[in-house]
PDB file of N, CA and C in Angstrom:
ATOM      1  N   MET A   1      26.810 -31.845  23.379  1.00  0.00           N
ATOM      2  CA  MET A   1      28.468 -31.871  23.893  1.00  0.00           C
ATOM      3  C   MET A   1      29.143 -32.055  22.835  1.00  0.00           C
ATOM      4  N   THR A   2      30.396 -30.680  22.963  1.00  0.00           N
ATOM      5  CA  THR A   2      31.163 -31.160  21.851  1.00  0.00           C
ATOM      6  C   THR A   2      32.397 -31.812  22.590  1.00  0.00           C
ATOM      7  N   SER A   3      32.630 -31.660  20.371  1.00  0.00           N
ATOM      8  CA  SER A   3      33.994 -32.838  21.172  1.00  0.00           C
ATOM      9  C   SER A   3      35.177 -32.522  21.641  1.00  0.00           C
ATOM     10  N   SER A   4      35.285 -30.874  21.801  1.00  0.00           N
ATOM     11  CA  SER A   4      36.380 -30.282  21.847  1.00  0.00           C
ATOM     12  C   SER A   4      36.998 -30.116  23.587  1.00  0.00           C
ATOM     13  N   THR A   5      35.017 -30.639  24.077  1.00  0.00           N
ATOM     14  CA  THR A   5      34.998 -29.811  25.037  1.00  0.00           C
ATOM     15  C   THR A   5      36.088 -32.217  26.706  1.00  0.00           C
ATOM     16  N   SER A   6      37.490 -30.929  26.711  1.00  0.00           N
ATOM     17  CA  SER A   6      38.306 -32.104  27.797  1.00  0.00           C
ATOM     18  C   SER A   6      37.739 -32.324  28.743  1.00  0.00           C
ATOM     19  N   LEU A   7      36.834 -32.584  29.622  1.00  0.00           N
ATOM     20  CA  LEU A   7      36.273 -32.718  30.892  1.00  0.00           C
ATOM     21  C   LEU A   7      36.421 -34.748  30.581  1.00  0.00           C
ATOM     22  N   PRO A   8      36.885 -34.030  32.087  1.00  0.00           N
ATOM     23  CA  PRO A   8      37.036 -36.114  32.498  1.00  0.00           C
ATOM     24  C   PRO A   8      34.956 -37.243  32.737  1.00  0.00           C
ATOM     25  N   LEU A   9      35.298 -38.172  32.013  1.00  0.00           N
ATOM     26  CA  LEU A   9      34.082 -39.149  31.581  1.00  0.00           C
ATOM     27  C   LEU A   9      33.112 -38.246  33.666  1.00  0.00           C
ATOM     28  N   PRO A  10      33.475 -39.032  34.773  1.00  0.00           N
ATOM     29  CA  PRO A  10      32.522 -38.401  35.576  1.00  0.00           C
ATOM     30  C   PRO A  10      32.513 -37.586  36.001  1.00  0.00           C
ATOM     31  N   ALA A  11      33.355 -36.140  34.828  1.00  0.00           N
ATOM     32  CA  ALA A  11      32.993 -34.752  35.520  1.00  0.00           C
ATOM     33  C   ALA A  11      31.251 -35.009  34.295  1.00  0.00           C
ATOM     34  N   ALA A  12      31.697 -35.392  33.071  1.00  0.00           N
ATOM     35  CA  ALA A  12      30.761 -34.989  31.898  1.00  0.00           C
ATOM     36  C   ALA A  12      28.826 -36.063  32.797  1.00  0.00           C
ATOM     37  N   HIS A  13      29.235 -37.228  33.057  1.00  0.00           N
ATOM     38  CA  HIS A  13      28.347 -38.258  33.855  1.00  0.00           C
ATOM     39  C   HIS A  13      27.258 -37.330  34.994  1.00  0.00           C
ATOM     40  N   ALA A  14      28.522 -36.429  36.249  1.00  0.00           N
ATOM     41  CA  ALA A  14      27.128 -35.925  36.479  1.00  0.00           C
ATOM     42  C   ALA A  14      27.281 -34.664  35.855  1.00  0.00           C
ATOM     43  N   LEU A  15      27.521 -34.430  35.132  1.00  0.00           N
ATOM     44  CA  LEU A  15      26.689 -33.017  34.332  1.00  0.00           C
ATOM     45  C   LEU A  15      25.557 -33.492  34.377  1.00  0.00           C
ATOM     46  N   ARG A  16      24.985 -35.304  33.172  1.00  0.00           N
ATOM     47  CA  ARG A  16      23.686 -35.320  32.475  1.00  0.00           C
ATOM     48  C   ARG A  16      23.122 -36.033  32.907  1.00  0.00           C
ATOM     49  N   LYS A  17      23.564 -36.483  35.214  1.00  0.00           N
ATOM     50  CA  LYS A  17      22.533 -37.133  34.913  1.00  0.00           C
ATOM     51  C   LYS A  17      21.534 -35.927  36.161  1.00  0.00           C
ATOM     52  N   PRO A  18      22.082 -34.839  36.275  1.00  0.00           N
ATOM     53  CA  PRO A  18      20.938 -33.613  37.516  1.00  0.00           C
ATOM     54  C   PRO A  18      19.614 -33.026  35.582  1.00  0.00           C
ATOM     55  N   GLY A  19      20.483 -33.417  34.916  1.00  0.00           N
ATOM     56  CA  GLY A  19      20.058 -32.688  33.407  1.00  0.00           C
ATOM     57  C   GLY A  19      18.956 -33.552  33.163  1.00  0.00           C
ATOM     58  N   ARG A  20      18.774 -34.899  33.281  1.00  0.00           N
ATOM     59  CA  ARG A  20      18.137 -36.210  33.035  1.00  0.00           C
ATOM     60  C   ARG A  20      16.694 -35.444  34.048  1.00  0.00           C
ATOM     61  N   GLU A  21      17.098 -35.808  35.038  1.00  0.00           N
ATOM     62  CA  GLU A  21      16.400 -34.833  36.356  1.00  0.00           C
ATOM     63  C   GLU A  21      15.939 -34.554  35.733  1.00  0.00           C
ATOM     64  N   MET A  22      15.876 -33.398  35.928  1.00  0.00           N
ATOM     65  CA  MET A  22      15.300 -32.019  34.974  1.00  0.00           C
ATOM     66  C   MET A  22      14.297 -31.655  34.197  1.00  0.00           C
ATOM     67  N   ALA A  23      14.831 -33.211  33.164  1.00  0.00           N
ATOM     68  CA  ALA A  23      13.179 -32.402  31.924  1.00  0.00           C
ATOM     69  C   ALA A  23      12.481 -33.748  32.360  1.00  0.00           C
ATOM     70  N   LEU A  24      13.502 -34.528  33.153  1.00  0.00           N
ATOM     71  CA  LEU A  24      12.058 -36.289  33.408  1.00  0.00           C
ATOM     72  C   LEU A  24      10.967 -35.111  35.070  1.00  0.00           C
ATOM     73  N   THR A  25      11.630 -34.286  35.916  1.00  0.00           N
ATOM     74  CA  THR A  25      10.171 -33.566  36.919  1.00  0.00           C
ATOM     75  C   THR A  25      10.075 -32.189  36.012  1.00  0.00           C
ATOM     76  N   CYS A  26      10.290 -31.974  34.296  1.00  0.00           N
ATOM     77  CA  CYS A  26       9.230 -31.201  34.354  1.00  0.00           C
ATOM     78  C   CYS A  26       8.385 -32.560  33.305  1.00  0.00           C
ATOM     79  N   ARG A  27       8.835 -32.618  32.836  1.00  0.00           N
ATOM     80  CA  ARG A  27       7.650 -34.026  31.908  1.00  0.00           C
ATOM     81  C   ARG A  27       6.658 -34.347  33.026  1.00  0.00           C
ATOM     82  N   LYS A  28       6.936 -34.889  34.838  1.00  0.00           N
ATOM     83  CA  LYS A  28       5.802 -35.165  34.971  1.00  0.00           C
ATOM     84  C   LYS A  28       5.242 -33.853  35.856  1.00  0.00           C
ATOM     85  N   ARG A  29       5.750 -32.971  35.452  1.00  0.00           N
ATOM     86  CA  ARG A  29       5.377 -31.584  36.076  1.00  0.00           C
ATOM     87  C   ARG A  29       4.463 -30.756  35.516  1.00  0.00           C
ATOM     88  N   ARG A  30       4.672 -31.640  33.484  1.00  0.00           N
ATOM     89  CA  ARG A  30       3.662 -30.439  32.817  1.00  0.00           C
ATOM     90  C   ARG A  30       4.330 -29.531  32.616  1.00  0.00           C
ATOM     91  N   ILE A  31       5.578 -29.590  32.423  1.00  0.00           N
ATOM     92  CA  ILE A  31       5.535 -27.646  31.904  1.00  0.00           C
ATOM     93  C   ILE A  31       6.413 -27.752  30.592  1.00  0.00           C
ATOM     94  N   SER A  32       5.967 -27.735  30.024  1.00  0.00           N
ATOM     95  CA  SER A  32       7.024 -27.126  28.544  1.00  0.00           C
ATOM     96  C   SER A  32       8.502 -26.809  28.733  1.00  0.00           C
ATOM     97  N   THR A  33       9.178 -27.213  27.557  1.00  0.00           N
ATOM     98  CA  THR A  33      10.533 -26.129  27.544  1.00  0.00           C
ATOM     99  C   THR A  33      10.617 -25.670  26.919  1.00  0.00           C
ATOM    100  N   THR A  34       9.444 -24.949  25.936  1.00  0.00           N
ATOM    101  CA  THR A  34       9.342 -23.240  26.019  1.00  0.00           C
ATOM    102  C   THR A  34       9.566 -22.293  27.482  1.00  0.00           C
ATOM    103  N   ASP A  35       7.896 -23.495  27.846  1.00  0.00           N
ATOM    104  CA  ASP A  35       7.360 -22.590  28.692  1.00  0.00           C
ATOM    105  C   ASP A  35       8.742 -22.076  30.363  1.00  0.00           C
ATOM    106  N   LEU A  36       9.431 -23.421  30.216  1.00  0.00           N
ATOM    107  CA  LEU A  36      10.985 -23.508  31.315  1.00  0.00           C
ATOM    108  C   LEU A  36      11.848 -22.587  30.866  1.00  0.00           C
ATOM    109  N   ALA A  37      12.314 -22.394  29.873  1.00  0.00           N
ATOM    110  CA  ALA A  37      13.347 -21.551  28.846  1.00  0.00           C
ATOM    111  C   ALA A  37      12.314 -20.162  29.667  1.00  0.00           C
ATOM    112  N   ALA A  38      11.628 -20.127  29.611  1.00  0.00           N
ATOM    113  CA  ALA A  38      10.821 -18.054  29.645  1.00  0.00           C
ATOM    114  C   ALA A  38      11.379 -18.372  31.197  1.00  0.00           C
ATOM    115  N   ARG A  39      10.331 -19.157  32.075  1.00  0.00           N
ATOM    116  CA  ARG A  39      10.778 -18.885  33.139  1.00  0.00           C
ATOM    117  C   ARG A  39      11.838 -18.584  33.296  1.00  0.00           C
ATOM    118  N   LEU A  40      13.080 -19.195  33.630  1.00  0.00           N
ATOM    119  CA  LEU A  40      14.610 -19.025  33.546  1.00  0.00           C
ATOM    120  C   LEU A  40      15.278 -17.931  32.820  1.00  0.00           C
ATOM    121  N   PHE A  41      14.315 -16.698  31.335  1.00  0.00           N
ATOM    122  CA  PHE A  41      14.824 -16.941  30.906  1.00  0.00           C
ATOM    123  C   PHE A  41      15.878 -16.558  29.465  1.00  0.00           C
ATOM    124  N   VAL A  42      15.905 -17.843  29.411  1.00  0.00           N
ATOM    125  CA  VAL A  42      16.901 -18.209  28.662  1.00  0.00           C
ATOM    126  C   VAL A  42      15.922 -18.808  27.649  1.00  0.00           C
ATOM    127  N   SER A  43      16.796 -19.832  26.179  1.00  0.00           N
ATOM    128  CA  SER A  43      16.392 -20.013  24.544  1.00  0.00           C
ATOM    129  C   SER A  43      15.926 -21.395  25.678  1.00  0.00           C
ATOM    130  N   ARG A  44      14.946 -21.225  24.456  1.00  0.00           N
ATOM    131  CA  ARG A  44      15.220 -23.153  24.276  1.00  0.00           C
ATOM    132  C   ARG A  44      16.093 -24.824  23.519  1.00  0.00           C
ATOM    133  N   ASP A  45      16.727 -23.490  23.066  1.00  0.00           N
ATOM    134  CA  ASP A  45      17.737 -24.229  22.376  1.00  0.00           C
ATOM    135  C   ASP A  45      18.738 -24.682  24.009  1.00  0.00           C
ATOM    136  N   THR A  46      18.835 -23.245  24.536  1.00  0.00           N
ATOM    137  CA  THR A  46      19.792 -23.344  25.990  1.00  0.00           C
ATOM    138  C   THR A  46      19.430 -24.139  27.133  1.00  0.00           C
ATOM    139  N   VAL A  47      17.943 -24.119  27.273  1.00  0.00           N
ATOM    140  CA  VAL A  47      17.197 -25.123  28.069  1.00  0.00           C
ATOM    141  C   VAL A  47      17.565 -26.949  27.290  1.00  0.00           C
ATOM    142  N   TRP A  48      18.019 -27.159  26.891  1.00  0.00           N
ATOM    143  CA  TRP A  48      17.631 -28.542  26.106  1.00  0.00           C
ATOM    144  C   TRP A  48      19.182 -29.026  25.879  1.00  0.00           C
ATOM    145  N   ARG A  49      20.109 -27.835  26.382  1.00  0.00           N
ATOM    146  CA  ARG A  49      21.278 -27.442  26.761  1.00  0.00           C
ATOM    147  C   ARG A  49      22.251 -28.811  27.705  1.00  0.00           C
ATOM    148  N   MET A  50      21.070 -27.079  28.712  1.00  0.00           N
ATOM    149  CA  MET A  50      21.318 -28.345  29.519  1.00  0.00           C
ATOM    150  C   MET A  50      20.486 -29.208  30.838  1.00  0.00           C
ATOM    151  N   GLU A  51      19.740 -29.439  29.473  1.00  0.00           N
ATOM    152  CA  GLU A  51      19.064 -31.705  30.107  1.00  0.00           C
ATOM    153  C   GLU A  51      20.314 -31.708  29.097  1.00  0.00           C
ATOM    154  N   LYS A  52      20.786 -32.061  28.944  1.00  0.00           N
ATOM    155  CA  LYS A  52      22.058 -33.489  27.719  1.00  0.00           C
ATOM    156  C   LYS A  52      22.672 -32.898  28.590  1.00  0.00           C
ATOM    157  N   GLY A  53      23.616 -31.961  29.863  1.00  0.00           N
ATOM    158  CA  GLY A  53      24.559 -32.046  30.367  1.00  0.00           C
ATOM    159  C   GLY A  53      25.452 -30.617  29.838  1.00  0.00           C
ATOM    160  N   ASP A  54      25.216 -30.502  29.001  1.00  0.00           N
ATOM    161  CA  ASP A  54      26.142 -30.087  28.202  1.00  0.00           C
ATOM    162  C   ASP A  54      26.595 -28.445  28.803  1.00  0.00           C
ATOM    163  N   PRO A  55      28.403 -29.234  28.914  1.00  0.00           N
ATOM    164  CA  PRO A  55      29.534 -27.563  30.533  1.00  0.00           C
ATOM    165  C   PRO A  55      28.980 -26.350  29.711  1.00  0.00           C
ATOM    166  N   THR A  56      29.346 -26.260  28.127  1.00  0.00           N
ATOM    167  CA  THR A  56      28.905 -24.497  28.015  1.00  0.00           C
ATOM    168  C   THR A  56      28.207 -23.797  28.653  1.00  0.00           C
ATOM    169  N   VAL A  57      27.268 -25.085  29.095  1.00  0.00           N
ATOM    170  CA  VAL A  57      25.086 -23.966  29.738  1.00  0.00           C
ATOM    171  C   VAL A  57      26.091 -23.187  30.528  1.00  0.00           C
ATOM    172  N   SER A  58      26.211 -21.249  31.676  1.00  0.00           N
ATOM    173  CA  SER A  58      26.527 -20.554  32.821  1.00  0.00           C
ATOM    174  C   SER A  58      26.205 -21.588  34.095  1.00  0.00           C
ATOM    175  N   SER A  59      25.896 -21.607  34.285  1.00  0.00           N
ATOM    176  CA  SER A  59      26.418 -22.562  36.525  1.00  0.00           C
ATOM    177  C   SER A  59      24.759 -21.668  36.262  1.00  0.00           C
ATOM    178  N   GLY A  60      24.691 -21.124  36.500  1.00  0.00           N
ATOM    179  CA  GLY A  60      23.796 -20.074  36.970  1.00  0.00           C
ATOM    180  C   GLY A  60      21.718 -20.331  36.578  1.00  0.00           C
ATOM    181  N   THR A  61      22.194 -20.988  34.719  1.00  0.00           N
ATOM    182  CA  THR A  61      21.541 -21.849  33.992  1.00  0.00           C
ATOM    183  C   THR A  61      20.220 -22.580  34.843  1.00  0.00           C
ATOM    184  N   PRO A  62      21.530 -24.266  34.808  1.00  0.00           N
ATOM    185  CA  PRO A  62      21.031 -24.894  36.765  1.00  0.00           C
ATOM    186  C   PRO A  62      20.374 -24.483  37.211  1.00  0.00           C
ATOM    187  N   ALA A  63      21.242 -23.630  38.292  1.00  0.00           N
ATOM    188  CA  ALA A  63      20.556 -23.933  39.294  1.00  0.00           C
ATOM    189  C   ALA A  63      19.716 -22.564  39.792  1.00  0.00           C
ATOM    190  N   THR A  64      18.942 -21.772  38.564  1.00  0.00           N
ATOM    191  CA  THR A  64      17.884 -21.601  38.274  1.00  0.00           C
ATOM    192  C   THR A  64      16.731 -22.109  38.128  1.00  0.00           C
ATOM    193  N   ALA A  65      16.801 -22.618  37.051  1.00  0.00           N
ATOM    194  CA  ALA A  65      16.369 -23.718  36.871  1.00  0.00           C
ATOM    195  C   ALA A  65      15.396 -25.576  38.439  1.00  0.00           C
ATOM    196  N   LEU A  66      16.801 -25.043  39.111  1.00  0.00           N
ATOM    197  CA  LEU A  66      16.553 -25.647  40.275  1.00  0.00           C
ATOM    198  C   LEU A  66      16.005 -24.803  41.137  1.00  0.00           C
ATOM    199  N   PHE A  67      16.001 -23.953  41.305  1.00  0.00           N
ATOM    200  CA  PHE A  67      15.070 -23.233  42.563  1.00  0.00           C
ATOM    201  C   PHE A  67      13.884 -22.624  41.615  1.00  0.00           C
ATOM    202  N   VAL A  68      13.805 -22.934  39.947  1.00  0.00           N
ATOM    203  CA  VAL A  68      12.213 -23.123  39.943  1.00  0.00           C
ATOM    204  C   VAL A  68      10.973 -23.847  40.033  1.00  0.00           C
ATOM    205  N   LEU A  69      11.960 -25.905  39.465  1.00  0.00           N
ATOM    206  CA  LEU A  69      11.526 -26.508  40.209  1.00  0.00           C
ATOM    207  C   LEU A  69      11.320 -26.788  41.623  1.00  0.00           C
ATOM    208  N   GLN A  70      11.445 -25.948  42.294  1.00  0.00           N
ATOM    209  CA  GLN A  70      11.867 -25.956  43.799  1.00  0.00           C
ATOM    210  C   GLN A  70      12.412 -27.523  44.128  1.00  0.00           C
ATOM    211  N   LEU A  71      13.938 -27.382  43.509  1.00  0.00           N
ATOM    212  CA  LEU A  71      14.647 -28.324  44.045  1.00  0.00           C
ATOM    213  C   LEU A  71      16.144 -27.605  44.502  1.00  0.00           C
ATOM    214  N   HIS A  72      15.902 -26.646  44.921  1.00  0.00           N
ATOM    215  CA  HIS A  72      17.186 -26.167  45.494  1.00  0.00           C
ATOM    216  C   HIS A  72      18.458 -25.879  46.626  1.00  0.00           C
ATOM    217  N   ASP A  73      17.187 -27.080  47.172  1.00  0.00           N
ATOM    218  CA  ASP A  73      17.641 -27.829  48.867  1.00  0.00           C
ATOM    219  C   ASP A  73      18.876 -27.857  49.129  1.00  0.00           C
ATOM    220  N   GLY A  74      18.614 -28.839  47.566  1.00  0.00           N
ATOM    221  CA  GLY A  74      19.988 -30.653  47.431  1.00  0.00           C
ATOM    222  C   GLY A  74      20.928 -29.907  46.906  1.00  0.00           C
ATOM    223  N   PRO A  75      21.329 -29.289  46.384  1.00  0.00           N
ATOM    224  CA  PRO A  75      22.333 -28.789  45.726  1.00  0.00           C
ATOM    225  C   PRO A  75      22.652 -27.864  46.463  1.00  0.00           C
ATOM    226  N   ALA A  76      22.326 -27.286  47.986  1.00  0.00           N
ATOM    227  CA  ALA A  76      22.866 -25.952  48.397  1.00  0.00           C
ATOM    228  C   ALA A  76      24.008 -27.059  49.170  1.00  0.00           C
ATOM    229  N   ASN A  77      23.726 -28.445  49.265  1.00  0.00           N
ATOM    230  CA  ASN A  77      24.559 -29.185  50.855  1.00  0.00           C
ATOM    231  C   ASN A  77      25.046 -29.844  49.131  1.00  0.00           C
ATOM    232  N   LEU A  78      26.484 -29.271  48.055  1.00  0.00           N
ATOM    233  CA  LEU A  78      27.059 -30.134  47.448  1.00  0.00           C
ATOM    234  C   LEU A  78      27.949 -30.494  47.935  1.00  0.00           C
ATOM    235  N   ALA A  79      28.984 -29.477  48.242  1.00  0.00           N
ATOM    236  CA  ALA A  79      29.990 -29.756  48.374  1.00  0.00           C
ATOM    237  C   ALA A  79      30.696 -29.248  49.838  1.00  0.00           C
ATOM    238  N   SER A  80      29.142 -29.927  50.515  1.00  0.00           N
ATOM    239  CA  SER A  80      29.827 -29.233  52.258  1.00  0.00           C
ATOM    240  C   SER A  80      30.391 -30.262  52.299  1.00  0.00           C
ATOM    241  N   PRO A  81      31.495 -30.071  53.691  1.00  0.00           N
ATOM    242  CA  PRO A  81      32.701 -30.906  54.470  1.00  0.00           C
ATOM    243  C   PRO A  81      32.039 -31.988  55.239  1.00  0.00           C
ATOM    244  N   GLY A  82      30.083 -31.701  55.394  1.00  0.00           N
ATOM    245  CA  GLY A  82      29.965 -32.930  56.133  1.00  0.00           C
ATOM    246  C   GLY A  82      29.568 -33.615  55.788  1.00  0.00           C
ATOM    247  N   THR A  83      28.959 -33.888  54.016  1.00  0.00           N
ATOM    248  CA  THR A  83      29.316 -34.717  53.478  1.00  0.00           C
ATOM    249  C   THR A  83      30.333 -35.354  52.977  1.00  0.00           C
ATOM    250  N   ASP A  84      31.751 -34.641  52.545  1.00  0.00           N
ATOM    251  CA  ASP A  84      32.491 -34.972  52.637  1.00  0.00           C
ATOM    252  C   ASP A  84      33.527 -36.443  53.202  1.00  0.00           C
ATOM    253  N   SER A  85      33.123 -38.206  52.520  1.00  0.00           N
ATOM    254  CA  SER A  85      33.593 -38.089  53.384  1.00  0.00           C
ATOM    255  C   SER A  85      35.279 -38.721  53.534  1.00  0.00           C
ATOM    256  N   LEU A  86      35.891 -38.256  52.215  1.00  0.00           N
ATOM    257  CA  LEU A  86      37.519 -38.173  52.433  1.00  0.00           C
ATOM    258  C   LEU A  86      38.134 -37.148  53.459  1.00  0.00           C
ATOM    259  N   ALA A  87      37.515 -35.864  53.597  1.00  0.00           N
ATOM    260  CA  ALA A  87      37.564 -35.367  54.549  1.00  0.00           C
ATOM    261  C   ALA A  87      37.083 -35.951  56.386  1.00  0.00           C
ATOM    262  N   PHE A  88      36.622 -36.456  56.485  1.00  0.00           N
ATOM    263  CA  PHE A  88      36.441 -37.990  58.072  1.00  0.00           C
ATOM    264  C   PHE A  88      37.631 -37.825  58.153  1.00  0.00           C
ATOM    265  N   GLY A  89      38.437 -38.516  57.158  1.00  0.00           N
ATOM    266  CA  GLY A  89      39.682 -39.292  57.894  1.00  0.00           C
ATOM    267  C   GLY A  89      40.629 -38.412  58.153  1.00  0.00           C
ATOM    268  N   LEU A  90      40.259 -37.372  57.200  1.00  0.00           N
ATOM    269  CA  LEU A  90      41.319 -35.862  58.099  1.00  0.00           C
ATOM    270  C   LEU A  90      41.252 -35.095  59.420  1.00  0.00           C
ATOM    271  N   ASN A  91      42.288 -35.423  60.666  1.00  0.00           N
ATOM    272  CA  ASN A  91      42.519 -34.433  61.721  1.00  0.00           C
ATOM    273  C   ASN A  91      42.094 -32.797  61.146  1.00  0.00           C
ATOM    274  N   GLU A  92      41.689 -31.961  61.909  1.00  0.00           N
ATOM    275  CA  GLU A  92      40.681 -30.736  61.528  1.00  0.00           C
ATOM    276  C   GLU A  92      41.997 -30.117  62.837  1.00  0.00           C
ATOM    277  N   ALA A  93      42.642 -30.327  63.639  1.00  0.00           N
ATOM    278  CA  ALA A  93      42.931 -29.879  64.633  1.00  0.00           C
ATOM    279  C   ALA A  93      44.930 -29.673  63.757  1.00  0.00           C
ATOM    280  N   ARG A  94      45.227 -30.084  62.461  1.00  0.00           N
ATOM    281  CA  ARG A  94      46.548 -30.534  61.891  1.00  0.00           C
ATOM    282  C   ARG A  94      46.261 -29.885  60.847  1.00  0.00           C
ATOM    283  N   LEU A  95      44.632 -29.471  60.780  1.00  0.00           N
ATOM    284  CA  LEU A  95      45.127 -28.670  58.987  1.00  0.00           C
ATOM    285  C   LEU A  95      45.646 -27.085  59.343  1.00  0.00           C
ATOM    286  N   PRO A  96      46.172 -27.354  58.760  1.00  0.00           N
ATOM    287  CA  PRO A  96      46.429 -25.272  58.423  1.00  0.00           C
ATOM    288  C   PRO A  96      45.187 -24.213  58.548  1.00  0.00           C
ATOM    289  N   LYS A  97      45.852 -23.578  59.093  1.00  0.00           N
ATOM    290  CA  LYS A  97      45.142 -21.960  59.216  1.00  0.00           C
ATOM    291  C   LYS A  97      44.447 -21.212  58.254  1.00  0.00           C
ATOM    292  N   ARG A  98      45.996 -21.494  57.351  1.00  0.00           N
ATOM    293  CA  ARG A  98      46.245 -20.121  55.605  1.00  0.00           C
ATOM    294  C   ARG A  98      46.992 -21.725  55.295  1.00  0.00           C
ATOM    295  N   ILE A  99      46.829 -21.688  53.610  1.00  0.00           N
ATOM    296  CA  ILE A  99      47.460 -21.938  53.082  1.00  0.00           C
ATOM    297  C   ILE A  99      47.918 -20.643  52.386  1.00  0.00           C
ATOM    298  N   ARG A 100      49.279 -20.560  51.696  1.00  0.00           N
ATOM    299  CA  ARG A 100      50.377 -19.056  51.636  1.00  0.00           C
ATOM    300  C   ARG A 100      51.504 -20.406  49.806  1.00  0.00           C
ATOM    301  N   CYS A 101      50.895 -18.956  48.712  1.00  0.00           N
ATOM    302  CA  CYS A 101      52.211 -19.443  47.969  1.00  0.00           C
ATOM    303  C   CYS A 101      52.573 -19.642  48.682  1.00  0.00           C
ATOM    304  N   ARG A 102      54.156 -19.402  47.315  1.00  0.00           N
ATOM    305  CA  ARG A 102      56.036 -19.167  47.927  1.00  0.00           C
ATOM    306  C   ARG A 102      56.023 -18.993  46.439  1.00  0.00           C
ATOM    307  N   PRO A 103      56.753 -17.397  46.645  1.00  0.00           N
ATOM    308  CA  PRO A 103      57.102 -18.052  45.012  1.00  0.00           C
ATOM    309  C   PRO A 103      58.810 -18.260  44.746  1.00  0.00           C
TER     310      PRO A 103
END
């Protein structure tokens, strides 16, 4: 990652973990970075940056990699309201239907 990136540390760790896990999955399945790059239609350097958790990699690249590795079911529910522990404490009936910006 570049030093000019202003990501909070937990967000940077959240990007690195899936990258490391995808790299491990590829090694277990004996998929080389060159082969994965060809399947994703990106360069090998982009695959390496994705595995390192570089935030400048397009969000579509890891999503496509998860699809290629047949691991796309987990992240599909990433921001699901059903798994949001903070939302469980809120009363849905009290939530507004819309939120309007006031000038």
